[in-house]
Protein backbone atom coordinates (compact mmCIF):
# COMPACT_ATOMS: atom_id res chain seq x y z
CA MET A 1 -166.29 111.44 -23.47
CA HIS A 2 -167.09 109.11 -26.34
CA ALA A 3 -163.77 109.93 -28.06
CA VAL A 4 -161.84 109.14 -24.88
CA LEU A 5 -163.59 105.78 -24.56
CA ALA A 6 -162.95 105.03 -28.22
CA ARG A 7 -159.22 105.69 -27.76
CA CYS A 8 -159.11 103.46 -24.68
CA LYS A 9 -161.01 100.56 -26.21
CA ARG A 10 -158.07 98.83 -27.88
CA PRO A 11 -155.57 99.14 -24.99
CA LEU A 12 -158.24 98.06 -22.51
CA ARG A 13 -158.85 94.95 -24.61
CA TYR A 14 -155.23 93.94 -23.94
CA VAL A 15 -155.64 94.68 -20.25
CA MET A 16 -158.79 92.59 -20.17
CA GLY A 17 -157.12 89.74 -22.02
CA ALA A 18 -154.12 89.75 -19.69
CA LEU A 19 -156.33 89.80 -16.59
CA TYR A 20 -158.27 86.75 -17.75
CA VAL A 21 -155.14 84.84 -18.75
CA VAL A 22 -153.52 85.52 -15.36
CA ALA A 23 -156.72 84.68 -13.49
CA GLY A 24 -157.09 81.49 -15.50
CA LEU A 25 -153.51 80.41 -14.87
CA LEU A 26 -154.01 80.97 -11.15
CA HIS A 27 -156.67 78.24 -11.26
CA PHE A 28 -153.82 75.82 -12.00
CA VAL A 29 -151.22 77.39 -9.70
CA VAL A 30 -153.43 77.57 -6.59
CA PRO A 31 -156.56 75.52 -7.34
CA SER A 32 -157.22 75.03 -3.63
CA LEU A 33 -158.24 78.69 -3.33
CA TYR A 34 -160.89 78.30 -5.99
CA VAL A 35 -162.15 74.89 -4.88
CA GLN A 36 -163.16 76.44 -1.56
CA ILE A 37 -165.72 78.73 -3.18
CA VAL A 38 -167.35 76.19 -5.50
CA PRO A 39 -170.89 75.75 -4.17
CA PRO A 40 -171.23 72.30 -2.55
CA ILE A 41 -174.24 71.51 -4.72
CA LEU A 42 -171.96 71.32 -7.78
CA PRO A 43 -170.09 68.10 -8.55
CA ALA A 44 -166.32 67.69 -9.00
CA PRO A 45 -165.13 71.07 -7.66
CA LEU A 46 -161.51 70.59 -8.75
CA ALA A 47 -162.55 69.68 -12.29
CA LEU A 48 -164.78 72.77 -12.40
CA VAL A 49 -161.89 74.93 -11.20
CA TYR A 50 -159.64 73.57 -13.94
CA LEU A 51 -162.40 73.92 -16.54
CA SER A 52 -163.03 77.53 -15.58
CA GLY A 53 -159.27 78.16 -15.64
CA VAL A 54 -159.04 76.84 -19.19
CA ALA A 55 -162.05 78.96 -20.14
CA GLU A 56 -160.52 82.11 -18.63
CA VAL A 57 -157.23 81.60 -20.45
CA GLY A 58 -159.17 80.93 -23.65
CA VAL A 59 -161.32 84.06 -23.47
CA GLY A 60 -158.30 86.11 -22.41
CA VAL A 61 -156.37 85.08 -25.50
CA GLY A 62 -159.44 85.18 -27.71
CA VAL A 63 -160.39 88.74 -26.85
CA VAL A 64 -157.06 90.13 -28.06
CA VAL A 65 -157.14 88.30 -31.39
CA PRO A 66 -159.21 90.38 -33.84
CA ARG A 67 -160.63 87.34 -35.61
CA THR A 68 -161.95 85.79 -32.37
CA ARG A 69 -162.56 88.94 -30.31
CA ARG A 70 -166.33 89.03 -30.76
CA TYR A 71 -166.84 85.34 -29.93
CA ALA A 72 -164.46 85.56 -27.00
CA ALA A 73 -166.33 88.58 -25.64
CA TRP A 74 -169.62 86.64 -25.74
CA ALA A 75 -167.87 83.63 -24.18
CA THR A 76 -166.54 85.91 -21.43
CA ILE A 77 -170.07 87.03 -20.64
CA ALA A 78 -171.22 83.39 -20.50
CA LEU A 79 -168.27 82.50 -18.27
CA LEU A 80 -169.01 85.37 -15.88
CA VAL A 81 -172.63 84.25 -15.63
CA ALA A 82 -171.51 80.64 -15.06
CA VAL A 83 -169.14 81.50 -12.20
CA PHE A 84 -171.53 83.96 -10.55
CA PRO A 85 -172.98 81.27 -8.25
CA ALA A 86 -169.52 80.79 -6.72
CA ASN A 87 -169.36 84.50 -5.91
CA VAL A 88 -172.85 84.41 -4.43
CA TYR A 89 -171.94 81.32 -2.39
CA MET A 90 -168.79 83.03 -1.12
CA ALA A 91 -170.74 86.14 -0.06
CA VAL A 92 -173.78 84.43 1.43
CA SER A 93 -172.16 81.51 3.21
CA MET A 94 -169.09 83.43 4.43
CA VAL A 95 -166.77 80.58 3.45
CA THR A 96 -163.37 81.01 5.04
CA VAL A 97 -160.91 81.03 2.17
CA GLU A 98 -157.77 79.47 3.57
CA GLY A 99 -154.41 80.29 2.02
CA LEU A 100 -155.46 83.55 0.39
CA PRO A 101 -152.63 86.10 0.34
CA GLY A 102 -153.71 89.02 2.51
CA GLY A 103 -156.10 86.83 4.48
CA ASP A 104 -159.75 86.01 4.15
CA PRO A 105 -161.74 88.72 2.32
CA SER A 106 -163.96 90.96 4.38
CA PRO A 107 -167.75 90.78 4.02
CA LEU A 108 -167.58 94.08 2.12
CA VAL A 109 -165.16 92.61 -0.44
CA ARG A 110 -167.26 89.46 -0.76
CA TRP A 111 -170.42 91.45 -1.49
CA ALA A 112 -168.60 93.97 -3.72
CA ARG A 113 -167.61 91.13 -6.03
CA LEU A 114 -171.25 90.64 -6.99
CA PRO A 115 -171.84 94.01 -8.71
CA LEU A 116 -168.27 93.83 -10.06
CA GLN A 117 -169.46 90.88 -12.15
CA GLY A 118 -171.90 93.28 -13.83
CA VAL A 119 -169.09 95.70 -14.60
CA LEU A 120 -167.00 92.88 -16.06
CA ILE A 121 -169.96 91.75 -18.18
CA LEU A 122 -170.39 95.29 -19.53
CA TRP A 123 -166.66 95.47 -20.24
CA ALA A 124 -166.83 92.23 -22.23
CA TYR A 125 -170.00 93.38 -23.99
CA TRP A 126 -168.07 96.41 -25.26
CA TYR A 127 -166.09 94.03 -27.48
CA THR A 128 -169.07 92.19 -29.00
CA ASP A 129 -169.53 94.73 -31.80
C-alpha cells in the first residue's frame, strides 16, 4: 500500500495544484457564487473572495514547484482553515446559492463539505515533508 501511495504522490501533486488554480480562477470568473457564502460577520465579502482566489491560485502553483512545494502545502492548510467558516456558514444557515450550475446544493452536500476539508488538509499535509 505504501509503495502505491509513493508512486501516486507526484502525479497527485499536479492534480492538487490544478484543482486549486482552477478553483482560484473561478473566484474571479463567478465571484457572486462565493460572495453568497461569506459569513455576514466578515467585512468586504467581495474583497475576501478575490483574496482567497489569489491565495488558491498561489498555493496551486506553489505546490507543483519543488522549491516552494513545502511552503505552499503549509499555506494550503492555512487557507483551508481560513475558509472553513464559509463552509460552516453555508451548511448551518442553508444559504441559497443563486446561479450555481446544477442548482443549489443539497443539505447532504453542504454538510459533506465539512469533513472534506479535513481530507484536503491531509492531502496538503502529505506535501509538507
